[in-house]
Amino acid sequence: MLSYGPLWKTMKDRKVTTYTLIYKKGFSAATITSLRKNKSITMYTLGRLCEILECTPNDIVEFLPDKK
């Protein structure tokens, strides 16, 4: 299971809002919704987030074991 919990912390630490991602960096609202719902994103999107936030993928996404 994917979790973008680290993304929200990284964004807060770097003072980057979802408004900035959508209106200043060109992300679609659908992409932000996917992130909020922990759905998969493309490697391109992950790379762009890393560039904008000046971080690594570990600062954006974590993989959690499935609960059965």
C-alpha atoms as a PDB file:
ATOM      1  CA  MET A   1       0.000   0.000   0.000  1.00  0.00           C
ATOM      2  CA  LEU A   2       1.205   3.493  -0.850  1.00  0.00           C
ATOM      3  CA  SER A   3       1.108   6.376   1.569  1.00  0.00           C
ATOM      4  CA  TYR A   4       1.895   9.963   0.677  1.00  0.00           C
ATOM      5  CA  GLY A   5       2.041  10.956   4.338  1.00  0.00           C
ATOM      6  CA  PRO A   6       5.690  12.018   3.978  1.00  0.00           C
ATOM      7  CA  LEU A   7       4.715  14.335   1.096  1.00  0.00           C
ATOM      8  CA  TRP A   8       2.423  16.469   3.238  1.00  0.00           C
ATOM      9  CA  LYS A   9       5.093  16.824   5.917  1.00  0.00           C
ATOM     10  CA  THR A  10       7.742  17.712   3.326  1.00  0.00           C
ATOM     11  CA  MET A  11       5.436  20.277   1.725  1.00  0.00           C
ATOM     12  CA  LYS A  12       4.718  21.842   5.122  1.00  0.00           C
ATOM     13  CA  ASP A  13       8.431  21.966   5.993  1.00  0.00           C
ATOM     14  CA  ARG A  14       9.223  23.655   2.663  1.00  0.00           C
ATOM     15  CA  LYS A  15       6.147  25.922   2.784  1.00  0.00           C
ATOM     16  CA  VAL A  16       4.740  24.603  -0.497  1.00  0.00           C
ATOM     17  CA  THR A  17       0.953  24.420  -0.747  1.00  0.00           C
ATOM     18  CA  THR A  18      -1.325  22.477  -3.059  1.00  0.00           C
ATOM     19  CA  TYR A  19      -2.306  25.877  -4.502  1.00  0.00           C
ATOM     20  CA  THR A  20       1.344  26.376  -5.503  1.00  0.00           C
ATOM     21  CA  LEU A  21       1.507  22.945  -7.109  1.00  0.00           C
ATOM     22  CA  ILE A  22      -1.666  23.514  -9.131  1.00  0.00           C
ATOM     23  CA  TYR A  23      -1.487  27.172 -10.095  1.00  0.00           C
ATOM     24  CA  LYS A  24       2.247  27.852 -10.157  1.00  0.00           C
ATOM     25  CA  LYS A  25       3.776  24.481 -11.037  1.00  0.00           C
ATOM     26  CA  GLY A  26       1.134  23.109 -13.423  1.00  0.00           C
ATOM     27  CA  PHE A  27      -0.086  20.048 -11.546  1.00  0.00           C
ATOM     28  CA  SER A  28      -3.667  19.042 -12.232  1.00  0.00           C
ATOM     29  CA  ALA A  29      -6.267  18.995  -9.491  1.00  0.00           C
ATOM     30  CA  ALA A  30      -6.785  15.306 -10.362  1.00  0.00           C
ATOM     31  CA  THR A  31      -3.146  14.579  -9.496  1.00  0.00           C
ATOM     32  CA  ILE A  32      -3.516  16.285  -6.122  1.00  0.00           C
ATOM     33  CA  THR A  33      -6.686  14.248  -5.518  1.00  0.00           C
ATOM     34  CA  SER A  34      -4.789  11.043  -6.363  1.00  0.00           C
ATOM     35  CA  LEU A  35      -2.111  11.999  -3.851  1.00  0.00           C
ATOM     36  CA  ARG A  36      -4.707  12.716  -1.168  1.00  0.00           C
ATOM     37  CA  LYS A  37      -6.337   9.329  -1.772  1.00  0.00           C
ATOM     38  CA  ASN A  38      -2.980   7.480  -1.806  1.00  0.00           C
ATOM     39  CA  LYS A  39      -3.461   6.372  -5.414  1.00  0.00           C
ATOM     40  CA  SER A  40      -0.549   5.694  -7.736  1.00  0.00           C
ATOM     41  CA  ILE A  41       1.175   8.483  -9.660  1.00  0.00           C
ATOM     42  CA  THR A  42       3.610   8.387 -12.560  1.00  0.00           C
ATOM     43  CA  MET A  43       7.373   8.401 -12.163  1.00  0.00           C
ATOM     44  CA  TYR A  44       7.347  11.713 -14.031  1.00  0.00           C
ATOM     45  CA  THR A  45       5.085  13.233 -11.375  1.00  0.00           C
ATOM     46  CA  LEU A  46       7.264  11.812  -8.609  1.00  0.00           C
ATOM     47  CA  GLY A  47      10.334  13.303 -10.292  1.00  0.00           C
ATOM     48  CA  ARG A  48       8.686  16.716 -10.623  1.00  0.00           C
ATOM     49  CA  LEU A  49       7.703  16.688  -6.966  1.00  0.00           C
ATOM     50  CA  CYS A  50      11.282  15.808  -6.016  1.00  0.00           C
ATOM     51  CA  GLU A  51      12.608  18.706  -8.112  1.00  0.00           C
ATOM     52  CA  ILE A  52      10.132  21.232  -6.733  1.00  0.00           C
ATOM     53  CA  LEU A  53      10.555  20.157  -3.121  1.00  0.00           C
ATOM     54  CA  GLU A  54      14.297  19.495  -3.469  1.00  0.00           C
ATOM     55  CA  CYS A  55      13.989  16.079  -1.880  1.00  0.00           C
ATOM     56  CA  THR A  56      14.153  12.364  -2.604  1.00  0.00           C
ATOM     57  CA  PRO A  57      11.281   9.929  -3.263  1.00  0.00           C
ATOM     58  CA  ASN A  58      11.524   8.770   0.372  1.00  0.00           C
ATOM     59  CA  ASP A  59      10.395  12.259   1.386  1.00  0.00           C
ATOM     60  CA  ILE A  60       7.256  11.866  -0.733  1.00  0.00           C
ATOM     61  CA  VAL A  61       6.017   8.284  -0.576  1.00  0.00           C
ATOM     62  CA  GLU A  62       6.309   5.290   1.687  1.00  0.00           C
ATOM     63  CA  PHE A  63       5.272   1.708   1.126  1.00  0.00           C
ATOM     64  CA  LEU A  64       3.269   0.092   3.898  1.00  0.00           C
ATOM     65  CA  PRO A  65       2.471  -3.595   4.184  1.00  0.00           C
ATOM     66  CA  ASP A  66      -1.078  -4.560   3.292  1.00  0.00           C
ATOM     67  CA  LYS A  67      -3.243  -5.267   6.322  1.00  0.00           C
ATOM     68  CA  LYS A  68      -5.047  -8.570   5.979  1.00  0.00           C
END
